């Protein structure tokens, strides 16, 4: 029998949205940013195009991130963005609405889950499914989650960090904290404001994090020249930053991320804890790419930590695999439609 209905998996992240289509793989990887007209409330641009407008819009346009800390902060804008992505991969004229699976943080409330299901259905899905992000990340990272042994996954993206122990196809223990990549960017901005009286934008902070940010001081010190606005005189100014300064600036946020992992390890049943010590912690999500974060995690927890292959794609790959084999994963997903 030919499948007429398209199957679409969406990783609706705080920083980036990835869309996977059955039979095609990942077809969209764009920033979760939407530009809306202030007067008519119509969506003007989505994704890459809208990100270029962040911090640069006239009064008639509002560029914003509709997801905050991994959950929907602006329902209408999120719905418009989902509609845009669904139409982009399905074409304008849909005879059969697609089946869409979206992943949500394991710690999100029933209200937040309902909001995600409703937004997906309103955006044009025939059936909407939700899956917990840590489970999707573990499946996407190639972890044999159905086995009767414990595996630990730490998914740290833009808005939230989730740590979970998974066994027999389900989440046994999990913790999530709304600290991740965005909080690291904010810490860098705060540091520059306090130390140099310099105000920088979100994109500059992200660039500093990617280029010279590290969880442990590197042997060789890196330097980077950064431009921003002087807080006192209001004029443009540049300063040279070192990687050691940035390590200090982000120390507190990195410790909070490690704290989430420690609290899960403390609550893990002893049998599963023994499995985790053997297999180590698998790290996924964009923030796991922060230089030396895996080494720092190993130092602080005493459990070896490894970054998964293609950490930013784990969640969407896992969501896609579950959607393709929905019968096998019935008890792990929430559905509506």
Protein backbone atom coordinates (compact mmCIF):
# COMPACT_ATOMS: atom_id res chain seq x y z
CA UNK A 1 0.00 0.00 0.00
CA UNK A 2 1.36 3.44 -0.89
CA UNK A 3 1.52 5.91 1.98
CA UNK A 4 -0.38 8.98 0.82
CA UNK A 5 -0.03 10.94 4.03
CA UNK A 6 3.31 12.63 4.59
CA UNK A 7 5.05 12.00 7.90
CA UNK A 8 6.83 15.06 9.29
CA UNK A 9 8.96 15.21 12.46
CA UNK A 10 9.74 18.62 13.92
CA UNK A 11 12.33 19.50 16.56
CA UNK A 12 10.96 22.83 17.70
CA UNK A 13 13.99 24.20 19.49
CA UNK A 14 14.48 27.51 21.26
CA UNK A 15 17.37 28.41 18.93
CA UNK A 16 16.83 26.24 15.80
CA UNK A 17 13.98 24.29 14.24
CA UNK A 18 14.73 21.11 12.32
CA UNK A 19 12.22 19.36 10.09
CA UNK A 20 12.52 15.73 8.96
CA UNK A 21 10.30 14.10 6.32
CA UNK A 22 9.88 10.31 5.97
CA UNK A 23 11.81 9.08 2.94
CA UNK A 24 13.69 12.37 2.54
CA UNK A 25 15.53 12.92 5.83
CA UNK A 26 16.24 16.37 7.27
CA UNK A 27 14.88 19.00 4.90
CA UNK A 28 14.89 22.17 7.05
CA UNK A 29 17.39 23.46 9.59
CA UNK A 30 16.64 27.09 10.33
CA UNK A 31 16.70 29.46 13.33
CA UNK A 32 13.49 29.60 15.39
CA UNK A 33 12.89 33.26 14.66
CA UNK A 34 9.78 34.91 13.23
CA UNK A 35 9.37 38.50 11.99
CA UNK A 36 5.84 39.83 12.36
CA UNK A 37 4.31 43.07 11.05
CA UNK A 38 3.37 45.27 14.03
CA UNK A 39 0.20 46.61 12.36
CA UNK A 40 -1.41 43.60 10.69
CA UNK A 41 0.18 40.89 12.89
CA UNK A 42 1.07 38.99 9.70
CA UNK A 43 4.20 36.86 9.47
CA UNK A 44 6.73 38.60 7.23
CA UNK A 45 9.72 36.24 7.49
CA UNK A 46 10.63 32.96 9.19
CA UNK A 47 13.94 31.26 9.94
CA UNK A 48 17.23 32.43 8.45
CA UNK A 49 15.68 35.50 6.85
CA UNK A 50 14.05 36.59 10.12
CA UNK A 51 17.23 35.95 12.16
CA UNK A 52 19.09 38.55 10.08
CA UNK A 53 16.46 41.05 11.27
CA UNK A 54 16.96 40.38 15.03
CA UNK A 55 17.97 43.62 16.74
CA UNK A 56 17.83 45.48 13.43
CA UNK A 57 14.09 45.97 12.80
CA UNK A 58 12.23 49.27 12.29
CA UNK A 59 9.17 49.96 14.49
CA UNK A 60 6.78 48.44 11.94
CA UNK A 61 8.41 44.96 12.32
CA UNK A 62 8.91 42.76 15.35
CA UNK A 63 11.47 39.95 15.10
CA UNK A 64 11.21 37.51 17.99
CA UNK A 65 11.85 33.97 19.16
CA UNK A 66 8.43 32.36 19.85
CA UNK A 67 9.98 29.54 21.90
CA UNK A 68 11.40 30.28 25.31
CA UNK A 69 13.23 27.77 27.51
CA UNK A 70 12.16 24.94 25.20
CA UNK A 71 8.40 25.63 25.41
CA UNK A 72 5.93 27.78 23.48
CA UNK A 73 6.04 31.38 24.72
CA UNK A 74 3.97 32.94 21.93
CA UNK A 75 1.22 30.58 20.78
CA UNK A 76 0.03 32.46 17.65
CA UNK A 77 3.50 33.11 16.29
CA UNK A 78 4.52 29.47 16.93
CA UNK A 79 1.43 28.27 15.06
CA UNK A 80 2.25 30.55 12.11
CA UNK A 81 5.83 29.26 12.11
CA UNK A 82 4.69 25.61 12.20
CA UNK A 83 2.30 26.31 9.32
CA UNK A 84 5.16 27.87 7.35
CA UNK A 85 7.42 24.83 7.86
CA UNK A 86 4.65 22.29 7.15
CA UNK A 87 3.71 24.09 3.91
CA UNK A 88 7.36 24.44 2.96
CA UNK A 89 7.89 20.67 3.02
CA UNK A 90 4.41 19.60 1.84
CA UNK A 91 3.73 22.19 -0.85
CA UNK A 92 0.87 24.73 -0.74
CA UNK A 93 -1.89 22.38 -1.87
CA UNK A 94 -2.45 19.53 0.51
CA UNK A 95 -4.98 16.87 -0.47
CA UNK A 96 -4.06 14.86 2.60
CA UNK A 97 -2.90 16.60 5.74
CA UNK A 98 0.38 15.20 7.09
CA UNK A 99 1.02 13.36 10.35
CA UNK A 100 3.28 15.58 12.44
CA UNK A 101 5.34 14.68 15.50
CA UNK A 102 6.84 17.41 17.66
CA UNK A 103 9.18 16.88 20.59
CA UNK A 104 8.71 18.65 23.92
CA UNK A 105 10.82 18.83 27.11
CA UNK A 106 10.12 15.90 29.44
CA UNK A 107 9.45 18.32 32.28
CA UNK A 108 6.81 20.42 30.51
CA UNK A 109 3.32 20.69 32.01
CA UNK A 110 0.04 19.27 30.67
CA UNK A 111 -0.97 22.80 29.64
CA UNK A 112 2.26 23.25 27.65
CA UNK A 113 1.77 19.84 26.03
CA UNK A 114 -1.79 20.70 25.04
CA UNK A 115 -0.60 24.01 23.60
CA UNK A 116 1.98 22.18 21.44
CA UNK A 117 -0.61 19.63 20.20
CA UNK A 118 -3.20 22.35 19.43
CA UNK A 119 -0.67 24.56 17.63
CA UNK A 120 0.41 21.58 15.48
CA UNK A 121 -3.18 20.68 14.54
CA UNK A 122 -4.06 24.34 13.81
CA UNK A 123 -0.97 24.57 11.59
CA UNK A 124 -2.35 21.87 9.29
CA UNK A 125 -1.58 18.44 10.75
CA UNK A 126 -4.07 15.55 10.47
CA UNK A 127 -2.67 13.88 13.58
CA UNK A 128 -0.33 15.52 16.06
CA UNK A 129 2.04 13.47 18.20
CA UNK A 130 4.31 14.55 21.03
CA UNK A 131 7.41 12.77 22.26
CA UNK A 132 9.68 13.60 25.18
CA UNK A 133 12.89 15.22 24.01
CA UNK A 134 15.38 13.08 26.01
CA UNK A 135 13.83 9.87 24.63
CA UNK A 136 13.96 11.23 21.05
CA UNK A 137 17.58 12.36 21.58
CA UNK A 138 18.59 8.94 22.91
CA UNK A 139 16.96 7.14 19.94
CA UNK A 140 18.59 9.58 17.51
CA UNK A 141 21.99 9.09 19.16
CA UNK A 142 21.72 5.35 18.44
CA UNK A 143 21.28 4.26 22.06
CA UNK A 144 19.44 0.89 22.37
CA UNK A 145 16.71 2.41 24.56
CA UNK A 146 14.48 -0.68 24.55
CA UNK A 147 17.13 -2.81 26.30
CA UNK A 148 16.65 -3.56 30.02
CA UNK A 149 19.71 -1.52 31.00
CA UNK A 150 20.24 2.10 31.98
CA UNK A 151 21.45 4.75 29.54
CA UNK A 152 21.92 8.39 30.36
CA UNK A 153 21.32 11.18 27.87
CA UNK A 154 21.92 14.89 28.43
CA UNK A 155 20.26 17.09 25.82
CA UNK A 156 21.36 20.68 26.08
CA UNK A 157 20.05 23.04 23.42
CA UNK A 158 19.36 26.76 23.32
CA UNK A 159 16.74 27.13 26.03
CA UNK A 160 16.78 24.05 28.26
CA UNK A 161 19.03 21.25 29.46
CA UNK A 162 17.43 17.87 30.01
CA UNK A 163 19.09 14.92 31.63
CA UNK A 164 17.35 11.57 31.69
CA UNK A 165 18.01 7.93 32.48
CA UNK A 166 16.29 5.68 29.96
CA UNK A 167 15.57 1.98 30.24
CA UNK A 168 13.06 -0.38 28.57
CA UNK A 169 11.94 2.32 26.11
CA UNK A 170 10.91 4.85 28.74
CA UNK A 171 12.26 7.66 30.90
CA UNK A 172 13.03 6.39 34.44
CA UNK A 173 14.43 9.56 36.04
CA UNK A 174 14.66 12.99 34.50
CA UNK A 175 15.45 16.56 35.43
CA UNK A 176 15.28 19.64 33.29
CA UNK A 177 16.50 23.14 33.93
CA UNK A 178 15.90 26.16 31.79
CA UNK A 179 19.61 26.82 31.43
CA UNK A 180 21.50 26.14 28.20
CA UNK A 181 23.09 27.98 25.28
CA UNK A 182 21.03 31.18 25.61
CA UNK A 183 21.96 31.56 29.29
CA UNK A 184 25.65 31.17 28.34
CA UNK A 185 25.21 34.01 25.79
CA UNK A 186 23.52 36.14 28.47
CA UNK A 187 26.38 35.48 30.92
CA UNK A 188 28.89 36.70 28.30
CA UNK A 189 26.81 39.85 27.70
CA UNK A 190 26.58 40.51 31.44
CA UNK A 191 30.34 40.04 31.90
CA UNK A 192 31.18 42.55 29.15
CA UNK A 193 28.71 45.04 30.57
CA UNK A 194 30.19 44.80 34.08
CA UNK A 195 33.87 44.64 33.21
CA UNK A 196 34.15 46.76 30.07
CA UNK A 197 30.94 48.87 30.12
CA UNK A 198 30.26 47.39 26.69
CA UNK A 199 26.84 46.36 25.39
CA UNK A 200 26.78 43.62 22.74
CA UNK A 201 23.90 41.90 20.92
CA UNK A 202 22.79 38.25 21.14
CA UNK A 203 24.49 37.28 17.88
CA UNK A 204 27.86 38.73 18.96
CA UNK A 205 27.59 36.87 22.29
CA UNK A 206 26.93 33.63 20.42
CA UNK A 207 29.92 34.24 18.15
CA UNK A 208 32.19 34.76 21.22
CA UNK A 209 30.88 31.50 22.76
CA UNK A 210 31.50 29.50 19.57
CA UNK A 211 34.94 30.95 18.81
CA UNK A 212 36.64 31.20 22.23
CA UNK A 213 34.18 29.79 24.79
CA UNK A 214 35.41 26.78 26.80
CA UNK A 215 34.23 24.96 29.94
CA UNK A 216 37.83 24.37 31.12
CA UNK A 217 40.71 26.84 30.53
CA UNK A 218 42.62 25.79 27.41
CA UNK A 219 46.41 25.39 27.41
CA UNK A 220 46.73 27.89 24.59
CA UNK A 221 44.90 31.16 25.20
CA UNK A 222 42.68 32.36 22.34
CA UNK A 223 41.93 36.03 21.68
CA UNK A 224 39.04 37.71 19.90
CA UNK A 225 38.28 41.34 19.12
CA UNK A 226 34.68 42.29 19.84
CA UNK A 227 32.76 45.47 18.98
CA UNK A 228 29.76 46.89 20.78
CA UNK A 229 28.31 50.08 22.22
CA UNK A 230 29.93 51.92 25.12
CA UNK A 231 27.52 52.05 28.07
CA UNK A 232 28.79 55.42 29.29
CA UNK A 233 29.36 57.41 26.08
CA UNK A 234 26.94 55.55 23.81
CA UNK A 235 29.55 55.28 21.04
CA UNK A 236 30.85 52.15 19.22
CA UNK A 237 33.97 50.63 20.79
CA UNK A 238 36.07 47.45 20.51
CA UNK A 239 37.79 45.30 23.14
CA UNK A 240 40.00 42.21 22.92
CA UNK A 241 38.74 39.22 24.93
CA UNK A 242 40.65 36.10 25.97
CA UNK A 243 39.29 32.55 26.22
CA UNK A 244 40.25 32.50 29.94
CA UNK A 245 37.93 35.46 30.62
CA UNK A 246 35.03 33.77 28.85
CA UNK A 247 35.61 30.52 30.80
CA UNK A 248 35.24 32.57 34.00
CA UNK A 249 32.21 34.46 32.66
CA UNK A 250 30.27 31.28 31.86
CA UNK A 251 31.44 29.18 34.84
CA UNK A 252 28.20 29.67 36.79
CA UNK A 253 25.92 28.59 33.91
CA UNK A 254 28.12 25.57 33.08
CA UNK A 255 27.91 24.52 36.76
CA UNK A 256 24.11 24.73 36.61
CA UNK A 257 24.11 22.41 33.55
CA UNK A 258 26.36 19.93 35.40
CA UNK A 259 24.08 20.30 38.47
CA UNK A 260 21.12 18.96 36.45
CA UNK A 261 23.16 15.85 35.59
CA UNK A 262 24.27 15.36 39.20
CA UNK A 263 20.69 15.55 40.51
CA UNK A 264 19.61 12.82 38.05
CA UNK A 265 22.55 10.60 39.05
CA UNK A 266 21.59 11.02 42.73
CA UNK A 267 18.05 9.74 42.05
CA UNK A 268 19.01 6.87 39.74
CA UNK A 269 18.26 3.35 41.03
CA UNK A 270 21.55 1.54 41.89
CA UNK A 271 21.17 -1.14 39.18
CA UNK A 272 20.85 1.51 36.48
CA UNK A 273 23.61 3.64 38.01
CA UNK A 274 26.01 0.71 37.58
CA UNK A 275 25.05 0.52 33.86
CA UNK A 276 25.66 4.26 33.43
CA UNK A 277 29.15 4.07 34.95
CA UNK A 278 29.97 1.32 32.40
CA UNK A 279 28.47 3.10 29.38
CA UNK A 280 29.00 6.75 30.27
CA UNK A 281 26.84 9.80 29.64
CA UNK A 282 25.86 10.65 26.07
CA UNK A 283 25.58 14.37 25.33
CA UNK A 284 23.43 15.83 22.56
CA UNK A 285 22.10 19.25 21.53
CA UNK A 286 23.99 22.30 20.29
CA UNK A 287 25.38 23.31 23.70
CA UNK A 288 27.19 19.95 24.01
CA UNK A 289 29.53 21.35 21.32
CA UNK A 290 30.89 23.93 23.79
CA UNK A 291 34.65 23.26 23.91
CA UNK A 292 35.61 20.86 26.73
CA UNK A 293 32.09 20.60 28.20
CA UNK A 294 32.34 16.79 27.99
CA UNK A 295 35.70 16.86 29.85
CA UNK A 296 34.28 19.14 32.54
CA UNK A 297 31.23 16.87 32.92
CA UNK A 298 33.53 13.86 33.38
CA UNK A 299 35.63 15.72 35.99
CA UNK A 300 32.61 16.88 37.99
CA UNK A 301 30.52 13.68 37.94
CA UNK A 302 33.20 11.01 37.78
CA UNK A 303 31.27 9.36 34.90
CA UNK A 304 32.79 9.38 31.40
CA UNK A 305 30.85 11.74 29.09
CA UNK A 306 30.87 11.57 25.28
CA UNK A 307 29.32 13.89 22.71
CA UNK A 308 27.01 12.01 20.31
CA UNK A 309 27.63 12.02 16.58
CA UNK A 310 25.89 15.07 15.00
CA UNK A 311 24.58 16.20 18.43
CA UNK A 312 22.31 18.89 16.97
CA UNK A 313 20.49 16.34 14.81
CA UNK A 314 19.88 13.64 17.45
CA UNK A 315 16.45 14.86 18.55
CA UNK A 316 14.99 15.28 15.07
CA UNK A 317 16.43 11.94 13.87
CA UNK A 318 14.98 10.16 16.90
CA UNK A 319 11.58 11.86 16.44
CA UNK A 320 11.59 10.75 12.79
CA UNK A 321 12.43 7.13 13.68
CA UNK A 322 9.60 7.00 16.23
CA UNK A 323 7.14 8.48 13.71
CA UNK A 324 8.11 5.87 11.11
CA UNK A 325 7.56 3.08 13.66
CA UNK A 326 4.66 4.63 15.53
CA UNK A 327 3.06 1.25 16.37
CA UNK A 328 6.15 0.20 18.34
CA UNK A 329 6.28 3.44 20.31
CA UNK A 330 2.54 3.92 20.98
CA UNK A 331 2.98 4.05 24.77
CA UNK A 332 5.78 6.63 24.60
CA UNK A 333 3.90 9.29 22.67
CA UNK A 334 0.92 11.59 23.31
CA UNK A 335 -1.44 12.01 20.39
CA UNK A 336 -4.36 14.12 19.21
CA UNK A 337 -6.21 14.43 15.92
